[in-house]
Amino acid sequence: MSDKYDLAPERVFEDLKAGKVLLVDVREPSEFANERIHGALLHPLSTFEPKAIPTDGSRQVIFQCGSGKRSRMALEQYLQATDADAAHLAGGIGAWKTAGLPCIRLDPSTGQIIDSGKY
């Protein structure tokens, strides 16, 4: 699979703000609960069903995980099962945070939700 499917965090952020993408987080529920990107839908890779992804063809489906490995696997499964436009967030939420983009996380010491800003 070529690099055209690997999207930089900044591009995904801009497209998410513009309503051009459907962001799908393929991490497990506990990971999603501890830290997530605003607007992401949860569809864990462990129970992943490509045709269950809600898409109407108006938005590109972007898969996201922690580092980019699982989202790439989900992308490959999705492309094999559908003809929808899709890609994945290269580097996952780790790259997203490194780029200084907003996310929601749970403070493990207090249980308080910390929101670093919404798009």
Protein backbone atom coordinates (compact mmCIF):
# COMPACT_ATOMS: atom_id res chain seq x y z
CA MET A 1 0.00 0.00 0.00
CA SER A 2 1.41 3.37 -0.98
CA ASP A 3 2.02 6.40 1.21
CA LYS A 4 -1.02 8.18 -0.25
CA TYR A 5 -2.95 6.51 2.56
CA ASP A 6 -0.69 7.96 5.28
CA LEU A 7 -2.04 11.35 6.36
CA ALA A 8 -0.22 13.85 8.57
CA PRO A 9 -1.92 14.91 11.81
CA GLU A 10 -2.21 18.54 10.67
CA ARG A 11 -4.06 17.55 7.51
CA VAL A 12 -6.45 15.28 9.40
CA PHE A 13 -7.07 18.08 11.92
CA GLU A 14 -7.91 20.62 9.20
CA ASP A 15 -10.16 18.16 7.34
CA LEU A 16 -11.88 17.17 10.60
CA LYS A 17 -12.59 20.83 11.41
CA ALA A 18 -13.97 21.32 7.89
CA GLY A 19 -16.27 18.29 8.20
CA LYS A 20 -14.52 16.49 5.32
CA VAL A 21 -13.65 13.32 7.24
CA LEU A 22 -15.11 10.68 9.52
CA LEU A 23 -12.43 9.83 12.09
CA VAL A 24 -12.59 6.23 13.33
CA ASP A 25 -10.52 5.22 16.36
CA VAL A 26 -9.70 1.49 16.23
CA ARG A 27 -8.15 1.25 19.71
CA GLU A 28 -9.81 -0.63 22.55
CA PRO A 29 -12.52 1.00 24.72
CA SER A 30 -10.17 1.50 27.70
CA GLU A 31 -7.65 3.33 25.50
CA PHE A 32 -10.40 5.48 24.02
CA ALA A 33 -11.74 6.30 27.51
CA ASN A 34 -8.31 7.39 28.70
CA GLU A 35 -7.48 9.60 25.71
CA ARG A 36 -9.20 10.48 22.46
CA ILE A 37 -9.50 12.98 19.66
CA HIS A 38 -12.63 15.16 19.52
CA GLY A 39 -15.14 13.76 17.07
CA ALA A 40 -13.64 10.28 16.74
CA LEU A 41 -15.95 7.26 16.63
CA LEU A 42 -14.85 4.06 18.38
CA HIS A 43 -14.70 0.84 16.33
CA PRO A 44 -12.07 -1.41 18.00
CA LEU A 45 -9.88 -3.48 15.70
CA SER A 46 -10.53 -6.53 17.91
CA THR A 47 -14.17 -6.53 16.78
CA PHE A 48 -13.73 -4.60 13.53
CA GLU A 49 -16.37 -4.98 10.85
CA PRO A 50 -15.58 -2.77 7.83
CA LYS A 51 -19.16 -2.57 6.60
CA ALA A 52 -20.33 -1.30 10.01
CA ILE A 53 -18.51 2.00 9.49
CA PRO A 54 -21.18 4.65 8.92
CA THR A 55 -20.39 6.42 5.68
CA ASP A 56 -22.54 8.17 3.15
CA GLY A 57 -19.75 8.85 0.67
CA SER A 58 -19.60 12.57 1.48
CA ARG A 59 -16.64 12.25 3.87
CA GLN A 60 -13.35 10.40 3.67
CA VAL A 61 -12.99 7.73 6.36
CA ILE A 62 -9.77 8.17 8.37
CA PHE A 63 -8.66 5.43 10.75
CA GLN A 64 -6.66 6.27 13.87
CA CYS A 65 -5.01 4.33 16.70
CA GLY A 66 -2.15 4.84 19.14
CA SER A 67 0.84 4.62 16.79
CA GLY A 68 -0.52 3.94 13.30
CA LYS A 69 -0.09 0.16 13.23
CA ARG A 70 -3.66 -0.90 14.01
CA SER A 71 -5.17 1.91 11.94
CA ARG A 72 -3.17 0.71 8.95
CA MET A 73 -4.53 -2.82 9.50
CA ALA A 74 -8.09 -1.48 9.73
CA LEU A 75 -7.54 0.56 6.58
CA GLU A 76 -6.39 -2.49 4.65
CA GLN A 77 -9.44 -4.49 5.80
CA TYR A 78 -11.75 -1.59 4.98
CA LEU A 79 -10.35 -1.08 1.49
CA GLN A 80 -10.71 -4.79 0.73
CA ALA A 81 -14.35 -4.80 1.88
CA THR A 82 -15.58 -1.48 0.47
CA ASP A 83 -14.90 0.96 -2.33
CA ALA A 84 -15.10 3.99 -0.03
CA ASP A 85 -12.44 6.70 0.13
CA ALA A 86 -10.23 6.02 3.15
CA ALA A 87 -6.81 6.62 4.71
CA HIS A 88 -5.23 6.60 8.16
CA LEU A 89 -3.57 8.98 10.58
CA ALA A 90 0.14 8.24 10.25
CA GLY A 91 1.69 7.92 13.71
CA GLY A 92 -1.68 7.75 15.43
CA ILE A 93 -2.67 9.80 18.45
CA GLY A 94 1.00 9.89 19.46
CA ALA A 95 1.85 11.93 16.34
CA TRP A 96 -1.31 13.99 16.89
CA LYS A 97 -0.16 15.00 20.40
CA THR A 98 3.41 15.62 19.23
CA ALA A 99 1.96 18.06 16.68
CA GLY A 100 0.28 19.89 19.58
CA LEU A 101 -3.26 19.12 18.41
CA PRO A 102 -6.18 19.01 20.88
CA CYS A 103 -7.41 15.86 22.57
CA ILE A 104 -9.36 14.76 25.61
CA ARG A 105 -7.66 12.71 28.31
CA LEU A 106 -8.38 11.34 31.73
CA ASP A 107 -6.07 12.41 34.57
CA PRO A 108 -5.17 9.06 36.20
CA SER A 109 -4.48 10.65 39.58
CA THR A 110 -7.82 12.46 39.91
CA GLY A 111 -10.12 10.87 37.34
CA GLN A 112 -10.79 14.37 36.01
CA ILE A 113 -11.28 14.90 32.28
CA ILE A 114 -8.72 17.25 30.74
CA ASP A 115 -9.72 18.83 27.48
CA SER A 116 -6.84 20.49 25.63
CA GLY A 117 -9.20 22.34 23.33
CA LYS A 118 -11.76 21.53 20.72
CA TYR A 119 -11.37 22.17 17.04
